[in-house]
């Protein structure tokens, strides 16, 4: 998928709203699940990069 993360989040929100109002088709449920999975993977990857860049220093000497 070449969509930006903002577009994916917007689509996830659209599907969430539709699920609460009129319900989702089987195809939309599959799309929602795929988008959620991709979002979580991107979030974890970003968090891992941030955590890996933390450098600890010993201030007690």
Protein backbone atom coordinates (compact mmCIF):
# COMPACT_ATOMS: atom_id res chain seq x y z
CA UNK A 1 0.00 0.00 0.00
CA UNK A 2 1.35 3.40 -0.93
CA UNK A 3 -1.02 5.41 1.24
CA UNK A 4 0.42 7.77 3.79
CA UNK A 5 -0.05 6.96 7.46
CA UNK A 6 -2.50 9.89 7.79
CA UNK A 7 -4.66 8.44 5.02
CA UNK A 8 -4.61 5.03 6.65
CA UNK A 9 -5.63 6.48 10.02
CA UNK A 10 -8.43 8.45 8.35
CA UNK A 11 -9.69 5.26 6.68
CA UNK A 12 -9.50 3.32 9.97
CA UNK A 13 -11.57 6.07 11.59
CA UNK A 14 -14.11 6.03 8.73
CA UNK A 15 -14.53 2.29 9.10
CA UNK A 16 -14.82 2.58 12.89
CA UNK A 17 -17.58 5.18 12.53
CA UNK A 18 -19.40 3.09 9.94
CA UNK A 19 -19.09 -0.02 12.15
CA UNK A 20 -20.82 1.86 14.98
CA UNK A 21 -23.62 3.21 12.78
CA UNK A 22 -24.60 0.90 9.93
CA UNK A 23 -22.15 -1.99 10.23
CA UNK A 24 -19.42 -3.26 7.94
CA UNK A 25 -19.41 -5.71 5.06
CA UNK A 26 -17.07 -8.69 5.19
CA UNK A 27 -14.70 -6.89 2.79
CA UNK A 28 -14.66 -3.80 5.00
CA UNK A 29 -13.96 -5.90 8.08
CA UNK A 30 -10.99 -7.48 6.28
CA UNK A 31 -9.77 -4.03 5.18
CA UNK A 32 -10.13 -2.68 8.73
CA UNK A 33 -8.18 -5.59 10.17
CA UNK A 34 -5.40 -5.18 7.59
CA UNK A 35 -5.16 -1.42 8.19
CA UNK A 36 -5.05 -1.93 11.95
CA UNK A 37 -2.30 -4.53 11.60
CA UNK A 38 -0.24 -2.24 9.35
CA UNK A 39 -0.72 0.68 11.76
CA UNK A 40 0.40 -1.37 14.77
CA UNK A 41 3.47 -2.67 12.90
CA UNK A 42 4.44 0.89 11.89
CA UNK A 43 3.91 2.12 15.45
CA UNK A 44 6.04 -0.66 16.93
CA UNK A 45 8.79 -0.06 14.39
CA UNK A 46 8.83 3.66 15.16
CA UNK A 47 8.88 3.00 18.91
CA UNK A 48 11.73 0.51 18.53
CA UNK A 49 13.81 3.07 16.61
CA UNK A 50 13.19 5.64 19.35
CA UNK A 51 14.06 3.22 22.13
CA UNK A 52 17.19 2.01 20.33
CA UNK A 53 18.43 5.58 20.04
CA UNK A 54 18.32 6.20 23.81
CA UNK A 55 21.76 6.45 25.35
CA UNK A 56 22.18 5.95 29.07
CA UNK A 57 24.77 7.87 31.01
CA UNK A 58 25.99 7.28 34.52
CA UNK A 59 25.68 10.53 36.40
CA UNK A 60 26.88 9.06 39.71
CA UNK A 61 30.66 9.29 40.08
